[in-house]
């Protein structure tokens, strides 16, 4: 996940960064596993897992718009997106 070099010379800082990255990696893997076999996701062949790059591209980078109106807050997501039901 693009962590080639550790950011600090201190062990505790690097340990914290590695634990955060481990947590993010596991969450992305769980999202990928939950989306396998869903009828709204077109898959060309039978797969057992989804790549992290695909999960990030399809699920995490959804186009959204943050709206504040009449003291209410909304997140508006495009209705044409086939992955909206999964999200």
C-alpha atoms as a PDB file:
ATOM      1  CA  UNK A   1       0.000   0.000   0.000  1.00  0.00           C
ATOM      2  CA  UNK A   2       2.822   2.354  -0.920  1.00  0.00           C
ATOM      3  CA  UNK A   3       4.707   2.301   2.357  1.00  0.00           C
ATOM      4  CA  UNK A   4       8.204   1.749   1.043  1.00  0.00           C
ATOM      5  CA  UNK A   5      10.073   3.669   3.703  1.00  0.00           C
ATOM      6  CA  UNK A   6       9.168   4.128   7.328  1.00  0.00           C
ATOM      7  CA  UNK A   7       8.574   7.779   8.203  1.00  0.00           C
ATOM      8  CA  UNK A   8      10.595   8.041  11.392  1.00  0.00           C
ATOM      9  CA  UNK A   9      13.750   6.852  13.065  1.00  0.00           C
ATOM     10  CA  UNK A  10      11.857   6.052  16.251  1.00  0.00           C
ATOM     11  CA  UNK A  11      10.619   2.525  16.773  1.00  0.00           C
ATOM     12  CA  UNK A  12       7.352   3.518  18.493  1.00  0.00           C
ATOM     13  CA  UNK A  13       6.319   5.835  15.654  1.00  0.00           C
ATOM     14  CA  UNK A  14       7.079   3.234  12.989  1.00  0.00           C
ATOM     15  CA  UNK A  15       5.216   0.601  15.014  1.00  0.00           C
ATOM     16  CA  UNK A  16       2.134   2.841  15.151  1.00  0.00           C
ATOM     17  CA  UNK A  17       2.289   3.534  11.401  1.00  0.00           C
ATOM     18  CA  UNK A  18       2.575  -0.199  10.622  1.00  0.00           C
ATOM     19  CA  UNK A  19      -0.395  -1.022  12.856  1.00  0.00           C
ATOM     20  CA  UNK A  20      -2.537   1.665  11.189  1.00  0.00           C
ATOM     21  CA  UNK A  21      -1.586   0.365   7.750  1.00  0.00           C
ATOM     22  CA  UNK A  22      -2.350  -3.198   8.829  1.00  0.00           C
ATOM     23  CA  UNK A  23      -5.802  -2.107   9.996  1.00  0.00           C
ATOM     24  CA  UNK A  24      -6.486  -0.255   6.709  1.00  0.00           C
ATOM     25  CA  UNK A  25      -5.303  -3.262   4.681  1.00  0.00           C
ATOM     26  CA  UNK A  26      -7.586  -5.637   6.577  1.00  0.00           C
ATOM     27  CA  UNK A  27     -10.591  -3.319   6.198  1.00  0.00           C
ATOM     28  CA  UNK A  28      -9.999  -3.076   2.439  1.00  0.00           C
ATOM     29  CA  UNK A  29      -9.724  -6.872   2.212  1.00  0.00           C
ATOM     30  CA  UNK A  30     -13.011  -7.303   4.104  1.00  0.00           C
ATOM     31  CA  UNK A  31     -14.745  -4.829   1.778  1.00  0.00           C
ATOM     32  CA  UNK A  32     -13.386  -6.745  -1.215  1.00  0.00           C
ATOM     33  CA  UNK A  33     -14.549 -10.093   0.148  1.00  0.00           C
ATOM     34  CA  UNK A  34     -18.059  -8.786   0.900  1.00  0.00           C
ATOM     35  CA  UNK A  35     -18.505  -7.529  -2.664  1.00  0.00           C
ATOM     36  CA  UNK A  36     -17.697 -10.872  -4.320  1.00  0.00           C
ATOM     37  CA  UNK A  37     -20.801 -12.479  -5.726  1.00  0.00           C
ATOM     38  CA  UNK A  38     -22.977  -9.396  -5.399  1.00  0.00           C
ATOM     39  CA  UNK A  39     -25.410  -9.170  -8.335  1.00  0.00           C
ATOM     40  CA  UNK A  40     -24.686  -5.467  -9.027  1.00  0.00           C
ATOM     41  CA  UNK A  41     -20.978  -6.015  -9.658  1.00  0.00           C
ATOM     42  CA  UNK A  42     -20.168  -7.234 -13.156  1.00  0.00           C
ATOM     43  CA  UNK A  43     -17.422  -9.858 -13.038  1.00  0.00           C
ATOM     44  CA  UNK A  44     -16.120 -11.438 -16.220  1.00  0.00           C
ATOM     45  CA  UNK A  45     -14.864 -14.625 -14.611  1.00  0.00           C
ATOM     46  CA  UNK A  46     -15.244 -16.510 -11.359  1.00  0.00           C
ATOM     47  CA  UNK A  47     -12.993 -14.867  -8.754  1.00  0.00           C
ATOM     48  CA  UNK A  48     -12.043 -15.699  -5.188  1.00  0.00           C
ATOM     49  CA  UNK A  49     -10.745 -12.285  -4.147  1.00  0.00           C
ATOM     50  CA  UNK A  50     -10.584  -8.706  -5.390  1.00  0.00           C
ATOM     51  CA  UNK A  51      -7.391  -6.724  -5.630  1.00  0.00           C
ATOM     52  CA  UNK A  52      -6.942  -3.799  -3.276  1.00  0.00           C
ATOM     53  CA  UNK A  53      -6.466  -1.429  -6.202  1.00  0.00           C
ATOM     54  CA  UNK A  54      -9.870  -2.451  -7.568  1.00  0.00           C
ATOM     55  CA  UNK A  55     -11.545  -2.090  -4.176  1.00  0.00           C
ATOM     56  CA  UNK A  56     -10.098   1.388  -3.729  1.00  0.00           C
ATOM     57  CA  UNK A  57     -11.065   2.421  -7.266  1.00  0.00           C
ATOM     58  CA  UNK A  58     -14.622   1.070  -7.109  1.00  0.00           C
ATOM     59  CA  UNK A  59     -15.687   1.510  -3.509  1.00  0.00           C
ATOM     60  CA  UNK A  60     -13.540   4.120  -1.804  1.00  0.00           C
ATOM     61  CA  UNK A  61     -13.243   6.690  -4.598  1.00  0.00           C
ATOM     62  CA  UNK A  62     -16.971   7.205  -5.142  1.00  0.00           C
ATOM     63  CA  UNK A  63     -17.859  10.675  -6.370  1.00  0.00           C
ATOM     64  CA  UNK A  64     -19.916  12.409  -3.710  1.00  0.00           C
ATOM     65  CA  UNK A  65     -21.107  15.873  -2.846  1.00  0.00           C
ATOM     66  CA  UNK A  66     -21.394  17.241   0.686  1.00  0.00           C
ATOM     67  CA  UNK A  67     -24.509  19.420   1.071  1.00  0.00           C
ATOM     68  CA  UNK A  68     -25.516  21.691   3.959  1.00  0.00           C
ATOM     69  CA  UNK A  69     -29.045  23.013   3.619  1.00  0.00           C
ATOM     70  CA  UNK A  70     -31.587  24.196   6.191  1.00  0.00           C
ATOM     71  CA  UNK A  71     -29.412  23.120   9.121  1.00  0.00           C
ATOM     72  CA  UNK A  72     -29.156  19.618   7.735  1.00  0.00           C
ATOM     73  CA  UNK A  73     -26.153  17.811   6.297  1.00  0.00           C
ATOM     74  CA  UNK A  74     -26.294  15.333   3.423  1.00  0.00           C
ATOM     75  CA  UNK A  75     -23.929  13.302   1.310  1.00  0.00           C
ATOM     76  CA  UNK A  76     -25.205  13.037  -2.247  1.00  0.00           C
ATOM     77  CA  UNK A  77     -23.949  10.143  -4.370  1.00  0.00           C
ATOM     78  CA  UNK A  78     -24.716   9.669  -8.065  1.00  0.00           C
ATOM     79  CA  UNK A  79     -27.698   7.336  -8.517  1.00  0.00           C
ATOM     80  CA  UNK A  80     -26.325   5.902 -11.764  1.00  0.00           C
ATOM     81  CA  UNK A  81     -23.469   4.200  -9.930  1.00  0.00           C
ATOM     82  CA  UNK A  82     -24.020   0.426  -9.873  1.00  0.00           C
ATOM     83  CA  UNK A  83     -22.025   0.063  -6.646  1.00  0.00           C
ATOM     84  CA  UNK A  84     -24.283   2.424  -4.693  1.00  0.00           C
ATOM     85  CA  UNK A  85     -26.400  -0.404  -3.247  1.00  0.00           C
ATOM     86  CA  UNK A  86     -23.313  -2.066  -1.809  1.00  0.00           C
ATOM     87  CA  UNK A  87     -21.987   1.177  -0.374  1.00  0.00           C
END
